[in-house]
Amino acid sequence: VTWLTMGTAMVNRLYKIEEAWQYDMSTVNRVNFGGGVSKLEVMLFARKFFPNAAILCIY
């Protein structure tokens, strides 16, 4: 998997689930999410969680 598109709610869930960190997301090179307001800490989490990805947040 190299691209992901998801709603803001999914990114919020990943942010709250500690077990998500056990997965290797280094192959993901693009993440698109939107549909709602994102808190700054969730956007910073996405940057760390998908270290090699260009992230596009659309609201």
PDB file of N, CA and C in Angstrom:
ATOM      1  N   VAL A   1       0.853  -1.177   0.000  1.00  0.00           N
ATOM      2  CA  VAL A   1       0.000   0.000   0.000  1.00  0.00           C
ATOM      3  C   VAL A   1       0.889   1.228   0.000  1.00  0.00           C
ATOM      4  N   THR A   2       0.650   2.105  -0.959  1.00  0.00           N
ATOM      5  CA  THR A   2       1.449   3.331  -1.017  1.00  0.00           C
ATOM      6  C   THR A   2       0.607   4.594  -0.875  1.00  0.00           C
ATOM      7  N   TRP A   3      -0.701   4.482  -1.112  1.00  0.00           N
ATOM      8  CA  TRP A   3      -1.606   5.629  -0.978  1.00  0.00           C
ATOM      9  C   TRP A   3      -2.741   5.265  -0.033  1.00  0.00           C
ATOM     10  N   LEU A   4      -3.158   6.238   0.767  1.00  0.00           N
ATOM     11  CA  LEU A   4      -4.328   6.056   1.628  1.00  0.00           C
ATOM     12  C   LEU A   4      -5.228   7.275   1.506  1.00  0.00           C
ATOM     13  N   THR A   5      -6.511   7.037   1.432  1.00  0.00           N
ATOM     14  CA  THR A   5      -7.507   8.096   1.493  1.00  0.00           C
ATOM     15  C   THR A   5      -8.502   7.691   2.562  1.00  0.00           C
ATOM     16  N   MET A   6      -8.745   8.576   3.510  1.00  0.00           N
ATOM     17  CA  MET A   6      -9.636   8.247   4.624  1.00  0.00           C
ATOM     18  C   MET A   6     -10.304   9.504   5.156  1.00  0.00           C
ATOM     19  N   GLY A   7     -11.311   9.286   5.944  1.00  0.00           N
ATOM     20  CA  GLY A   7     -11.991  10.392   6.595  1.00  0.00           C
ATOM     21  C   GLY A   7     -11.227  10.841   7.828  1.00  0.00           C
ATOM     22  N   THR A   8     -11.541  12.021   8.281  1.00  0.00           N
ATOM     23  CA  THR A   8     -10.903  12.565   9.476  1.00  0.00           C
ATOM     24  C   THR A   8     -11.144  11.672  10.687  1.00  0.00           C
ATOM     25  N   ALA A   9     -12.311  11.062  10.775  1.00  0.00           N
ATOM     26  CA  ALA A   9     -12.628  10.185  11.903  1.00  0.00           C
ATOM     27  C   ALA A   9     -11.652   9.014  11.994  1.00  0.00           C
ATOM     28  N   MET A  10     -11.223   8.479  10.863  1.00  0.00           N
ATOM     29  CA  MET A  10     -10.274   7.362  10.870  1.00  0.00           C
ATOM     30  C   MET A  10      -8.918   7.796  11.399  1.00  0.00           C
ATOM     31  N   VAL A  11      -8.454   8.960  11.007  1.00  0.00           N
ATOM     32  CA  VAL A  11      -7.176   9.466  11.516  1.00  0.00           C
ATOM     33  C   VAL A  11      -7.285   9.700  13.021  1.00  0.00           C
ATOM     34  N   ASN A  12      -8.422  10.209  13.476  1.00  0.00           N
ATOM     35  CA  ASN A  12      -8.632  10.407  14.911  1.00  0.00           C
ATOM     36  C   ASN A  12      -8.578   9.083  15.665  1.00  0.00           C
ATOM     37  N   ARG A  13      -9.149   8.031  15.085  1.00  0.00           N
ATOM     38  CA  ARG A  13      -9.102   6.705  15.722  1.00  0.00           C
ATOM     39  C   ARG A  13      -7.674   6.185  15.804  1.00  0.00           C
ATOM     40  N   LEU A  14      -6.933   6.312  14.712  1.00  0.00           N
ATOM     41  CA  LEU A  14      -5.531   5.875  14.729  1.00  0.00           C
ATOM     42  C   LEU A  14      -4.749   6.612  15.811  1.00  0.00           C
ATOM     43  N   TYR A  15      -5.020   7.896  15.955  1.00  0.00           N
ATOM     44  CA  TYR A  15      -4.355   8.731  16.959  1.00  0.00           C
ATOM     45  C   TYR A  15      -4.588   8.198  18.369  1.00  0.00           C
ATOM     46  N   LYS A  16      -5.771   7.657  18.617  1.00  0.00           N
ATOM     47  CA  LYS A  16      -6.142   7.197  19.959  1.00  0.00           C
ATOM     48  C   LYS A  16      -5.755   5.751  20.246  1.00  0.00           C
ATOM     49  N   ILE A  17      -5.396   4.977  19.217  1.00  0.00           N
ATOM     50  CA  ILE A  17      -5.092   3.554  19.398  1.00  0.00           C
ATOM     51  C   ILE A  17      -3.580   3.357  19.462  1.00  0.00           C
ATOM     52  N   GLU A  18      -3.088   3.019  20.625  1.00  0.00           N
ATOM     53  CA  GLU A  18      -1.644   2.826  20.827  1.00  0.00           C
ATOM     54  C   GLU A  18      -1.100   1.671  19.985  1.00  0.00           C
ATOM     55  N   GLU A  19      -1.918   0.642  19.750  1.00  0.00           N
ATOM     56  CA  GLU A  19      -1.478  -0.531  18.994  1.00  0.00           C
ATOM     57  C   GLU A  19      -1.179  -0.213  17.532  1.00  0.00           C
ATOM     58  N   ALA A  20      -1.646   0.909  17.041  1.00  0.00           N
ATOM     59  CA  ALA A  20      -1.396   1.275  15.641  1.00  0.00           C
ATOM     60  C   ALA A  20       0.097   1.379  15.353  1.00  0.00           C
ATOM     61  N   TRP A  21       0.887   1.730  16.360  1.00  0.00           N
ATOM     62  CA  TRP A  21       2.329   1.919  16.163  1.00  0.00           C
ATOM     63  C   TRP A  21       3.066   0.619  15.859  1.00  0.00           C
ATOM     64  N   GLN A  22       2.424  -0.537  16.040  1.00  0.00           N
ATOM     65  CA  GLN A  22       3.105  -1.806  15.755  1.00  0.00           C
ATOM     66  C   GLN A  22       3.180  -2.100  14.254  1.00  0.00           C
ATOM     67  N   TYR A  23       2.508  -1.304  13.440  1.00  0.00           N
ATOM     68  CA  TYR A  23       2.502  -1.516  11.993  1.00  0.00           C
ATOM     69  C   TYR A  23       3.500  -0.599  11.300  1.00  0.00           C
ATOM     70  N   ASP A  24       4.144  -1.143  10.281  1.00  0.00           N
ATOM     71  CA  ASP A  24       5.127  -0.394   9.500  1.00  0.00           C
ATOM     72  C   ASP A  24       4.412   0.381   8.397  1.00  0.00           C
ATOM     73  N   MET A  25       4.441   1.680   8.493  1.00  0.00           N
ATOM     74  CA  MET A  25       3.778   2.540   7.508  1.00  0.00           C
ATOM     75  C   MET A  25       4.780   3.233   6.593  1.00  0.00           C
ATOM     76  N   SER A  26       6.004   2.739   6.564  1.00  0.00           N
ATOM     77  CA  SER A  26       7.058   3.405   5.794  1.00  0.00           C
ATOM     78  C   SER A  26       6.848   3.324   4.280  1.00  0.00           C
ATOM     79  N   THR A  27       6.039   2.377   3.801  1.00  0.00           N
ATOM     80  CA  THR A  27       5.810   2.276   2.354  1.00  0.00           C
ATOM     81  C   THR A  27       4.745   3.249   1.854  1.00  0.00           C
ATOM     82  N   VAL A  28       3.995   3.827   2.768  1.00  0.00           N
ATOM     83  CA  VAL A  28       2.946   4.781   2.386  1.00  0.00           C
ATOM     84  C   VAL A  28       3.612   6.091   1.998  1.00  0.00           C
ATOM     85  N   ASN A  29       3.372   6.531   0.769  1.00  0.00           N
ATOM     86  CA  ASN A  29       4.007   7.774   0.331  1.00  0.00           C
ATOM     87  C   ASN A  29       3.012   8.906   0.086  1.00  0.00           C
ATOM     88  N   ARG A  30       1.715   8.624   0.281  1.00  0.00           N
ATOM     89  CA  ARG A  30       0.710   9.685   0.153  1.00  0.00           C
ATOM     90  C   ARG A  30      -0.489   9.353   1.028  1.00  0.00           C
ATOM     91  N   VAL A  31      -0.932  10.337   1.798  1.00  0.00           N
ATOM     92  CA  VAL A  31      -2.109  10.188   2.648  1.00  0.00           C
ATOM     93  C   VAL A  31      -3.023  11.382   2.401  1.00  0.00           C
ATOM     94  N   ASN A  32      -4.268  11.096   2.075  1.00  0.00           N
ATOM     95  CA  ASN A  32      -5.289  12.125   1.905  1.00  0.00           C
ATOM     96  C   ASN A  32      -6.364  11.876   2.953  1.00  0.00           C
ATOM     97  N   PHE A  33      -6.737  12.903   3.681  1.00  0.00           N
ATOM     98  CA  PHE A  33      -7.863  12.750   4.586  1.00  0.00           C
ATOM     99  C   PHE A  33      -8.614  14.058   4.720  1.00  0.00           C
ATOM    100  N   GLY A  34      -9.878  13.930   5.070  1.00  0.00           N
ATOM    101  CA  GLY A  34     -10.697  15.121   5.206  1.00  0.00           C
ATOM    102  C   GLY A  34     -12.127  14.774   5.544  1.00  0.00           C
ATOM    103  N   GLY A  35     -12.958  15.790   5.539  1.00  0.00           N
ATOM    104  CA  GLY A  35     -14.357  15.603   5.859  1.00  0.00           C
ATOM    105  C   GLY A  35     -14.750  16.223   7.178  1.00  0.00           C
ATOM    106  N   GLY A  36     -13.778  16.726   7.896  1.00  0.00           N
ATOM    107  CA  GLY A  36     -14.049  17.359   9.181  1.00  0.00           C
ATOM    108  C   GLY A  36     -12.822  18.112   9.653  1.00  0.00           C
ATOM    109  N   VAL A  37     -13.001  18.832  10.732  1.00  0.00           N
ATOM    110  CA  VAL A  37     -11.901  19.610  11.306  1.00  0.00           C
ATOM    111  C   VAL A  37     -10.908  18.663  11.973  1.00  0.00           C
ATOM    112  N   SER A  38      -9.610  18.909  11.787  1.00  0.00           N
ATOM    113  CA  SER A  38      -8.559  18.117  12.427  1.00  0.00           C
ATOM    114  C   SER A  38      -7.829  18.981  13.443  1.00  0.00           C
ATOM    115  N   LYS A  39      -7.625  18.427  14.612  1.00  0.00           N
ATOM    116  CA  LYS A  39      -6.847  19.128  15.630  1.00  0.00           C
ATOM    117  C   LYS A  39      -5.376  19.095  15.245  1.00  0.00           C
ATOM    118  N   LEU A  40      -4.641  20.068  15.717  1.00  0.00           N
ATOM    119  CA  LEU A  40      -3.217  20.152  15.412  1.00  0.00           C
ATOM    120  C   LEU A  40      -2.483  18.892  15.848  1.00  0.00           C
ATOM    121  N   GLU A  41      -2.783  18.367  17.039  1.00  0.00           N
ATOM    122  CA  GLU A  41      -2.066  17.181  17.517  1.00  0.00           C
ATOM    123  C   GLU A  41      -2.336  15.959  16.645  1.00  0.00           C
ATOM    124  N   VAL A  42      -3.511  15.872  16.051  1.00  0.00           N
ATOM    125  CA  VAL A  42      -3.822  14.762  15.143  1.00  0.00           C
ATOM    126  C   VAL A  42      -3.035  14.913  13.846  1.00  0.00           C
ATOM    127  N   MET A  43      -2.918  16.114  13.361  1.00  0.00           N
ATOM    128  CA  MET A  43      -2.140  16.348  12.142  1.00  0.00           C
ATOM    129  C   MET A  43      -0.656  16.074  12.387  1.00  0.00           C
ATOM    130  N   LEU A  44      -0.147  16.439  13.554  1.00  0.00           N
ATOM    131  CA  LEU A  44       1.248  16.136  13.890  1.00  0.00           C
ATOM    132  C   LEU A  44       1.455  14.633  14.046  1.00  0.00           C
ATOM    133  N   PHE A  45       0.467  13.949  14.616  1.00  0.00           N
ATOM    134  CA  PHE A  45       0.517  12.494  14.716  1.00  0.00           C
ATOM    135  C   PHE A  45       0.622  11.863  13.330  1.00  0.00           C
ATOM    136  N   ALA A  46      -0.204  12.320  12.395  1.00  0.00           N
ATOM    137  CA  ALA A  46      -0.198  11.764  11.038  1.00  0.00           C
ATOM    138  C   ALA A  46       1.177  11.917  10.409  1.00  0.00           C
ATOM    139  N   ARG A  47       1.813  13.037  10.643  1.00  0.00           N
ATOM    140  CA  ARG A  47       3.160  13.283  10.102  1.00  0.00           C
ATOM    141  C   ARG A  47       4.166  12.268  10.651  1.00  0.00           C
ATOM    142  N   LYS A  48       4.060  11.938  11.941  1.00  0.00           N
ATOM    143  CA  LYS A  48       4.968  10.952  12.555  1.00  0.00           C
ATOM    144  C   LYS A  48       4.594   9.521  12.170  1.00  0.00           C
ATOM    145  N   PHE A  49       3.301   9.247  12.107  1.00  0.00           N
ATOM    146  CA  PHE A  49       2.826   7.892  11.848  1.00  0.00           C
ATOM    147  C   PHE A  49       3.100   7.450  10.417  1.00  0.00           C
ATOM    148  N   PHE A  50       3.043   8.391   9.486  1.00  0.00           N
ATOM    149  CA  PHE A  50       3.341   8.129   8.078  1.00  0.00           C
ATOM    150  C   PHE A  50       4.601   8.913   7.715  1.00  0.00           C
ATOM    151  N   PRO A  51       5.775   8.432   8.126  1.00  0.00           N
ATOM    152  CA  PRO A  51       7.007   9.232   8.034  1.00  0.00           C
ATOM    153  C   PRO A  51       7.458   9.579   6.619  1.00  0.00           C
ATOM    154  N   ASN A  52       7.096   8.781   5.635  1.00  0.00           N
ATOM    155  CA  ASN A  52       7.554   9.019   4.258  1.00  0.00           C
ATOM    156  C   ASN A  52       6.454   9.547   3.346  1.00  0.00           C
ATOM    157  N   ALA A  53       5.355   9.972   3.934  1.00  0.00           N
ATOM    158  CA  ALA A  53       4.191  10.350   3.135  1.00  0.00           C
ATOM    159  C   ALA A  53       4.020  11.859   3.015  1.00  0.00           C
ATOM    160  N   ALA A  54       3.570  12.255   1.840  1.00  0.00           N
ATOM    161  CA  ALA A  54       3.050  13.608   1.657  1.00  0.00           C
ATOM    162  C   ALA A  54       1.609  13.555   2.157  1.00  0.00           C
ATOM    163  N   ILE A  55       1.251  14.461   3.038  1.00  0.00           N
ATOM    164  CA  ILE A  55      -0.066  14.421   3.661  1.00  0.00           C
ATOM    165  C   ILE A  55      -0.888  15.614   3.196  1.00  0.00           C
ATOM    166  N   LEU A  56      -2.086  15.307   2.714  1.00  0.00           N
ATOM    167  CA  LEU A  56      -3.008  16.339   2.261  1.00  0.00           C
ATOM    168  C   LEU A  56      -4.260  16.257   3.119  1.00  0.00           C
ATOM    169  N   CYS A  57      -4.500  17.302   3.874  1.00  0.00           N
ATOM    170  CA  CYS A  57      -5.680  17.379   4.733  1.00  0.00           C
ATOM    171  C   CYS A  57      -6.645  18.379   4.111  1.00  0.00           C
ATOM    172  N   ILE A  58      -7.825  17.900   3.759  1.00  0.00           N
ATOM    173  CA  ILE A  58      -8.809  18.734   3.078  1.00  0.00           C
ATOM    174  C   ILE A  58     -10.031  18.892   3.974  1.00  0.00           C
ATOM    175  N   TYR A  59     -10.441  20.132   4.162  1.00  0.00           N
ATOM    176  CA  TYR A  59     -11.668  20.397   4.916  1.00  0.00           C
ATOM    177  C   TYR A  59     -12.531  21.335   4.127  1.00  0.00           C
TER     178      TYR A  59
END
